[in-house]
Amino acid sequence: MVTAVDLDLAQVRAFVRTAEELHFGHAAAELSISQQALSKRIARLESTLGSRLLDRGGQGVRLTEAGRRFLEPARQTLAAADLAVAAVLDTRRPLRIDVWGHLYAPMRTLAQVATGEPRLELGHGRDLPSAITALLHGDIDAAFGRVHAPLPAGLTHRLVRLEPVDAVLNADHPLADAPAIRPAQLRDGVLWTPGPLHRLDFLHRFALAFGIHQHAEGTNLGLDHLPADLAADPRRFTLLPADLPLPPHPAIRSVPLIDPTPLYAWSLLRRDNGGHPLLDTLTSAFAAEAERRRWLEHDPARDWLPEHPGTDNG
């Protein structure tokens, strides 16, 4: 029989932040307390549990084996506590949702299901890891973008849209006037990416799948700057959603991709133990819109996905 232990949530929060930062100074600053107060909270927690959770030495801060076992349940405990408080105090606050995947314009999809809802507070996560961190910390209620990695315990996602993408090419590219392009025909081109290719999972997997070995990295300054980025080399191309309105410019062409058609998977990411009252409403709206617009149609013989978009990783 396990003896019941009443945990002090301030102590648990101190441990979790320190375990994530692996730095007492940074964790203390995050919690707006002194390092001395942080150390005392963690020491009291370790005393309560009868186990050392963190090693503090010349090599920095490291989790002990007990600390590693305790970390994920501790995160879930804090998330549950935050939800309990929100159920009483935050019923009228906006639903906080971050989006990422800016080159692929996530707001285009979100806006189609959230129009007219005044209680959404939108932010912009840099990428999936930052959205995961914000969710685990309780800084946001949900996130929307492409999920492409195993998720930590306590988080789940729902696939809501598979969006075809086109090739967008320099007007002088040999394939710029083609009515359609097979991805394999692009292997001699130069894939332009809005950042390091290894950090852009969809484009990275596309390049590997279709033998595209040359790429040029740039900065994502928005679609208005894309023509200049592609014009720098007649072999350049990139990928964008098929129905995304491009700025009119004589230097670029948008051409459909076929045999197969690449699909970009959009998911709604959330904690799996409930949440803000509007979250179920938003999830239902996504499901209804997906059915109405046939967003989830997928033919493996015709379409290409980097991996099968299941319910636990997309």
Protein backbone atom coordinates (compact mmCIF):
# COMPACT_ATOMS: atom_id res chain seq x y z
CA MET A 1 0.00 0.00 0.00
CA VAL A 2 1.38 3.42 -1.03
CA THR A 3 1.43 6.00 1.73
CA ALA A 4 -0.40 9.19 0.76
CA VAL A 5 1.83 12.27 0.51
CA ASP A 6 0.44 15.78 0.31
CA LEU A 7 2.54 17.72 -2.16
CA ASP A 8 3.13 21.46 -2.04
CA LEU A 9 2.48 22.68 -5.58
CA ALA A 10 4.89 25.60 -5.23
CA GLN A 11 7.63 23.10 -4.45
CA VAL A 12 6.61 20.87 -7.36
CA ARG A 13 6.59 23.87 -9.70
CA ALA A 14 10.06 24.88 -8.49
CA PHE A 15 11.38 21.38 -9.25
CA VAL A 16 9.76 21.20 -12.72
CA ARG A 17 11.11 24.57 -13.83
CA THR A 18 14.58 23.71 -12.57
CA ALA A 19 14.47 20.29 -14.24
CA GLU A 20 13.53 21.93 -17.54
CA GLU A 21 16.08 24.73 -17.32
CA LEU A 22 18.83 22.69 -15.58
CA HIS A 23 19.92 26.03 -14.16
CA PHE A 24 18.87 27.43 -10.77
CA GLY A 25 19.29 31.05 -11.82
CA HIS A 26 17.16 30.71 -14.93
CA ALA A 27 14.46 28.75 -13.10
CA ALA A 28 14.33 31.27 -10.27
CA ALA A 29 13.97 34.12 -12.76
CA GLU A 30 11.14 32.25 -14.53
CA LEU A 31 9.31 31.90 -11.20
CA SER A 32 10.17 35.45 -10.02
CA ILE A 33 11.76 34.20 -6.80
CA SER A 34 15.31 34.20 -5.44
CA GLN A 35 17.67 31.29 -5.99
CA GLN A 36 17.74 30.76 -2.24
CA ALA A 37 13.94 30.43 -2.12
CA LEU A 38 14.04 28.07 -5.09
CA SER A 39 16.65 25.85 -3.42
CA LYS A 40 14.65 25.72 -0.20
CA ARG A 41 11.47 24.67 -2.03
CA ILE A 42 13.25 21.85 -3.84
CA ALA A 43 15.03 20.73 -0.65
CA ARG A 44 11.68 20.55 1.18
CA LEU A 45 10.15 18.57 -1.67
CA GLU A 46 13.06 16.11 -1.60
CA SER A 47 12.64 15.80 2.16
CA THR A 48 8.93 15.07 1.76
CA LEU A 49 9.58 12.41 -0.88
CA GLY A 50 12.62 10.99 0.87
CA SER A 51 14.59 11.04 -2.39
CA ARG A 52 17.09 13.35 -3.99
CA LEU A 53 15.66 14.68 -7.27
CA LEU A 54 18.50 16.87 -8.51
CA ASP A 55 22.28 16.59 -8.39
CA ARG A 56 24.00 19.93 -7.94
CA GLY A 57 27.72 19.80 -8.69
CA GLY A 58 30.57 21.15 -10.74
CA GLN A 59 29.01 19.66 -13.89
CA GLY A 60 25.87 21.75 -13.37
CA VAL A 61 22.38 20.59 -12.46
CA ARG A 62 21.34 17.06 -13.40
CA LEU A 63 18.28 14.93 -12.73
CA THR A 64 18.74 11.88 -10.56
CA GLU A 65 16.99 8.66 -11.50
CA ALA A 66 14.23 9.52 -9.01
CA GLY A 67 14.01 13.01 -10.54
CA ARG A 68 13.57 11.57 -14.02
CA ARG A 69 10.75 9.32 -12.80
CA PHE A 70 9.09 12.19 -10.94
CA LEU A 71 9.29 14.84 -13.70
CA GLU A 72 6.49 13.79 -16.04
CA PRO A 73 3.92 13.00 -13.30
CA ALA A 74 4.89 16.32 -11.69
CA ARG A 75 4.13 18.14 -14.94
CA GLN A 76 0.77 16.43 -15.17
CA THR A 77 0.02 17.35 -11.54
CA LEU A 78 0.69 21.01 -12.23
CA ALA A 79 -1.39 20.95 -15.42
CA ALA A 80 -4.31 19.37 -13.55
CA ALA A 81 -4.02 21.97 -10.78
CA ASP A 82 -3.98 24.80 -13.32
CA LEU A 83 -7.08 23.39 -15.00
CA ALA A 84 -8.87 23.11 -11.65
CA VAL A 85 -8.16 26.77 -10.94
CA ALA A 86 -9.18 27.75 -14.47
CA ALA A 87 -12.49 25.91 -14.11
CA VAL A 88 -13.41 28.28 -11.28
CA LEU A 89 -11.64 31.53 -12.10
CA ASP A 90 -10.97 31.55 -15.85
CA THR A 91 -14.29 30.63 -17.42
CA ARG A 92 -14.55 34.05 -19.05
CA ARG A 93 -10.97 34.49 -20.22
CA PRO A 94 -10.10 33.97 -23.91
CA LEU A 95 -8.91 30.64 -25.27
CA ARG A 96 -5.16 31.08 -25.74
CA ILE A 97 -3.92 29.37 -28.90
CA ASP A 98 -0.51 29.53 -30.60
CA VAL A 99 0.11 28.78 -34.27
CA TRP A 100 3.28 27.82 -36.11
CA GLY A 101 4.28 27.00 -39.67
CA HIS A 102 4.12 30.60 -40.84
CA LEU A 103 5.20 30.00 -44.46
CA TYR A 104 2.20 27.71 -44.75
CA ALA A 105 -0.15 30.33 -43.25
CA PRO A 106 -1.89 28.44 -40.40
CA MET A 107 -4.26 31.36 -39.82
CA ARG A 108 -5.95 30.62 -43.15
CA THR A 109 -7.33 27.36 -41.73
CA LEU A 110 -7.92 28.58 -38.18
CA ALA A 111 -9.82 31.64 -39.39
CA GLN A 112 -12.30 29.44 -41.28
CA VAL A 113 -13.48 27.77 -38.07
CA ALA A 114 -12.97 30.57 -35.53
CA THR A 115 -14.58 33.50 -37.37
CA GLY A 116 -16.93 35.42 -35.11
CA GLU A 117 -15.55 33.94 -31.87
CA PRO A 118 -14.41 36.96 -29.82
CA ARG A 119 -12.82 34.87 -27.06
CA LEU A 120 -9.72 33.67 -28.89
CA GLU A 121 -6.31 35.07 -27.96
CA LEU A 122 -3.84 34.22 -30.71
CA GLY A 123 -0.08 33.98 -30.45
CA HIS A 124 2.73 32.83 -32.72
CA GLY A 125 4.95 30.01 -31.55
CA ARG A 126 8.27 29.75 -33.35
CA ASP A 127 7.96 26.01 -33.87
CA LEU A 128 6.53 22.79 -32.46
CA PRO A 129 8.98 22.54 -29.50
CA SER A 130 8.10 26.06 -28.33
CA ALA A 131 4.38 25.26 -28.58
CA ILE A 132 4.88 22.05 -26.57
CA THR A 133 6.78 23.95 -23.88
CA ALA A 134 4.07 26.61 -23.67
CA LEU A 135 1.37 23.93 -23.32
CA LEU A 136 3.27 22.03 -20.63
CA HIS A 137 3.82 25.27 -18.70
CA GLY A 138 0.13 26.19 -18.98
CA ASP A 139 0.96 29.40 -20.88
CA ILE A 140 -1.49 28.48 -23.66
CA ASP A 141 -4.56 26.22 -23.95
CA ALA A 142 -3.93 24.80 -27.42
CA ALA A 143 -1.72 25.10 -30.48
CA PHE A 144 -2.28 24.65 -34.20
CA GLY A 145 0.28 23.49 -36.74
CA ARG A 146 2.01 20.39 -38.10
CA VAL A 147 2.84 17.78 -35.45
CA HIS A 148 5.85 15.72 -36.54
CA ALA A 149 7.41 14.24 -33.41
CA PRO A 150 6.40 11.96 -30.54
CA LEU A 151 4.59 14.06 -27.97
CA PRO A 152 5.36 14.16 -24.24
CA ALA A 153 2.93 12.38 -21.93
CA GLY A 154 -0.06 14.56 -21.20
CA LEU A 155 -0.40 16.03 -24.70
CA THR A 156 -2.48 14.84 -27.62
CA HIS A 157 -3.47 16.15 -31.03
CA ARG A 158 -6.25 15.81 -33.56
CA LEU A 159 -5.58 15.85 -37.29
CA VAL A 160 -7.96 18.38 -38.87
CA ARG A 161 -6.70 19.09 -42.39
CA LEU A 162 -4.55 17.61 -45.15
CA GLU A 163 -3.62 20.48 -47.47
CA PRO A 164 -2.17 19.96 -50.98
CA VAL A 165 0.92 22.02 -51.79
CA ASP A 166 2.16 23.38 -55.14
CA ALA A 167 5.63 24.06 -56.42
CA VAL A 168 6.38 27.78 -56.62
CA LEU A 169 9.22 28.39 -59.06
CA ASN A 170 11.39 31.10 -60.50
CA ALA A 171 9.80 32.12 -63.83
CA ASP A 172 13.02 31.10 -65.61
CA HIS A 173 12.98 27.60 -64.13
CA PRO A 174 12.81 24.94 -66.90
CA LEU A 175 9.50 23.64 -65.47
CA ALA A 176 7.86 27.02 -64.82
CA ASP A 177 5.47 26.72 -67.78
CA ALA A 178 4.52 23.07 -67.21
CA PRO A 179 0.79 22.40 -66.52
CA ALA A 180 1.82 20.08 -63.65
CA ILE A 181 5.03 18.70 -62.15
CA ARG A 182 5.93 15.38 -60.60
CA PRO A 183 8.04 15.89 -57.44
CA ALA A 184 10.81 13.69 -58.87
CA GLN A 185 11.22 16.19 -61.74
CA LEU A 186 12.49 18.74 -59.22
CA ARG A 187 15.58 16.75 -58.21
CA ASP A 188 17.88 18.98 -60.27
CA GLY A 189 16.40 22.16 -58.80
CA VAL A 190 17.38 24.17 -55.73
CA LEU A 191 14.87 24.01 -52.88
CA TRP A 192 14.59 27.41 -51.20
CA THR A 193 13.81 27.16 -47.48
CA PRO A 194 12.83 29.92 -45.01
CA GLY A 195 15.44 28.81 -42.48
CA PRO A 196 17.79 25.82 -41.95
CA LEU A 197 16.43 22.81 -43.81
CA HIS A 198 17.01 20.39 -40.90
CA ARG A 199 14.60 22.46 -38.76
CA LEU A 200 11.81 22.46 -41.39
CA ASP A 201 10.57 18.90 -41.09
CA PHE A 202 8.12 18.83 -44.01
CA LEU A 203 10.55 20.37 -46.52
CA HIS A 204 13.40 18.21 -45.20
CA ARG A 205 11.40 15.01 -45.65
CA PHE A 206 10.23 16.13 -49.09
CA ALA A 207 13.84 16.69 -50.20
CA LEU A 208 14.90 13.27 -48.90
CA ALA A 209 11.94 11.46 -50.43
CA PHE A 210 12.40 12.87 -53.93
CA GLY A 211 16.19 13.10 -54.17
CA ILE A 212 16.55 16.88 -53.99
CA HIS A 213 20.11 17.48 -52.84
CA GLN A 214 20.54 21.21 -53.42
CA HIS A 215 18.92 23.86 -51.28
CA ALA A 216 19.29 27.53 -50.43
CA GLU A 217 18.46 28.90 -46.99
CA GLY A 218 16.87 32.28 -46.45
CA THR A 219 14.80 34.14 -43.88
CA ASN A 220 11.02 33.94 -43.71
CA LEU A 221 10.12 37.58 -44.36
CA GLY A 222 6.68 36.76 -45.77
CA LEU A 223 5.25 36.17 -49.22
CA ASP A 224 5.99 39.70 -50.45
CA HIS A 225 9.71 38.89 -50.30
CA LEU A 226 9.41 35.43 -51.87
CA PRO A 227 9.76 36.58 -55.53
CA ALA A 228 13.15 38.14 -54.78
CA ASP A 229 14.30 35.01 -52.93
CA LEU A 230 13.39 32.79 -55.89
CA ALA A 231 14.70 35.23 -58.51
CA ALA A 232 18.26 34.91 -57.15
CA ASP A 233 18.69 31.59 -59.02
CA PRO A 234 16.61 30.33 -61.99
CA ARG A 235 16.73 26.80 -60.54
CA ARG A 236 15.05 27.77 -57.27
CA PHE A 237 11.64 26.59 -56.11
CA THR A 238 9.73 26.16 -52.86
CA LEU A 239 6.41 24.65 -51.72
CA LEU A 240 3.27 26.55 -50.72
CA PRO A 241 -0.42 25.63 -50.17
CA ALA A 242 -2.23 25.15 -53.45
CA ASP A 243 -4.89 27.79 -52.81
CA LEU A 244 -2.68 30.37 -51.10
CA PRO A 245 -2.98 33.71 -52.95
CA LEU A 246 0.50 34.67 -54.14
CA PRO A 247 1.56 38.27 -54.66
CA PRO A 248 1.32 39.13 -58.36
CA HIS A 249 4.86 39.09 -59.69
CA PRO A 250 6.27 38.20 -63.11
CA ALA A 251 9.26 36.40 -61.55
CA ILE A 252 7.36 33.45 -60.03
CA ARG A 253 4.99 30.69 -61.12
CA SER A 254 2.83 28.31 -59.09
CA VAL A 255 2.47 24.83 -60.60
CA PRO A 256 0.45 21.86 -59.22
CA LEU A 257 2.35 18.81 -57.99
CA ILE A 258 1.02 15.40 -59.05
CA ASP A 259 2.02 11.71 -58.99
CA PRO A 260 2.11 12.10 -56.00
CA THR A 261 0.57 15.26 -54.57
CA PRO A 262 2.30 16.26 -51.30
CA LEU A 263 -0.10 16.92 -48.41
CA TYR A 264 0.68 19.12 -45.42
CA ALA A 265 -0.97 17.85 -42.21
CA TRP A 266 -2.50 20.39 -39.79
CA SER A 267 -3.36 19.34 -36.22
CA LEU A 268 -4.91 20.89 -33.13
CA LEU A 269 -2.57 20.20 -30.20
CA ARG A 270 -3.83 20.24 -26.61
CA ARG A 271 -3.42 18.73 -23.17
CA ASP A 272 -5.30 15.46 -22.83
CA ASN A 273 -6.89 16.12 -19.44
CA GLY A 274 -9.53 18.65 -20.37
CA GLY A 275 -9.00 22.38 -20.57
CA HIS A 276 -10.71 25.65 -21.42
CA PRO A 277 -14.48 25.37 -22.05
CA LEU A 278 -14.05 26.72 -25.60
CA LEU A 279 -11.58 23.99 -26.53
CA ASP A 280 -14.24 21.34 -27.16
CA THR A 281 -16.22 23.91 -29.16
CA LEU A 282 -13.20 24.65 -31.35
CA THR A 283 -12.46 20.93 -31.82
CA SER A 284 -16.07 20.30 -32.91
CA ALA A 285 -15.89 23.24 -35.33
CA PHE A 286 -12.74 21.81 -36.91
CA ALA A 287 -14.41 18.40 -37.29
CA ALA A 288 -17.50 19.90 -38.92
CA GLU A 289 -15.47 22.05 -41.31
CA ALA A 290 -13.22 19.10 -42.21
CA GLU A 291 -16.26 17.03 -43.13
CA ARG A 292 -17.90 19.85 -45.10
CA ARG A 293 -14.75 20.72 -47.07
CA ARG A 294 -13.43 17.14 -47.27
CA TRP A 295 -10.17 18.23 -45.67
CA LEU A 296 -9.18 14.73 -44.56
CA GLU A 297 -9.51 12.90 -47.87
CA HIS A 298 -6.35 10.95 -48.59
CA ASP A 299 -5.52 8.43 -51.30
CA PRO A 300 -2.13 6.72 -50.66
CA ALA A 301 -1.92 5.84 -54.35
CA ARG A 302 -2.24 9.50 -55.34
CA ASP A 303 -0.94 11.54 -52.41
CA TRP A 304 2.31 11.79 -50.41
CA LEU A 305 2.60 12.32 -46.66
CA PRO A 306 5.91 12.32 -44.75
CA GLU A 307 4.38 9.75 -42.42
CA HIS A 308 0.93 8.43 -41.67
CA PRO A 309 -0.94 11.08 -39.64
CA GLY A 310 -2.25 9.05 -36.72
CA THR A 311 -3.87 10.43 -33.58
CA ASP A 312 -0.67 10.53 -31.55
CA ASN A 313 1.84 11.92 -34.02
CA GLY A 314 1.00 13.66 -37.25
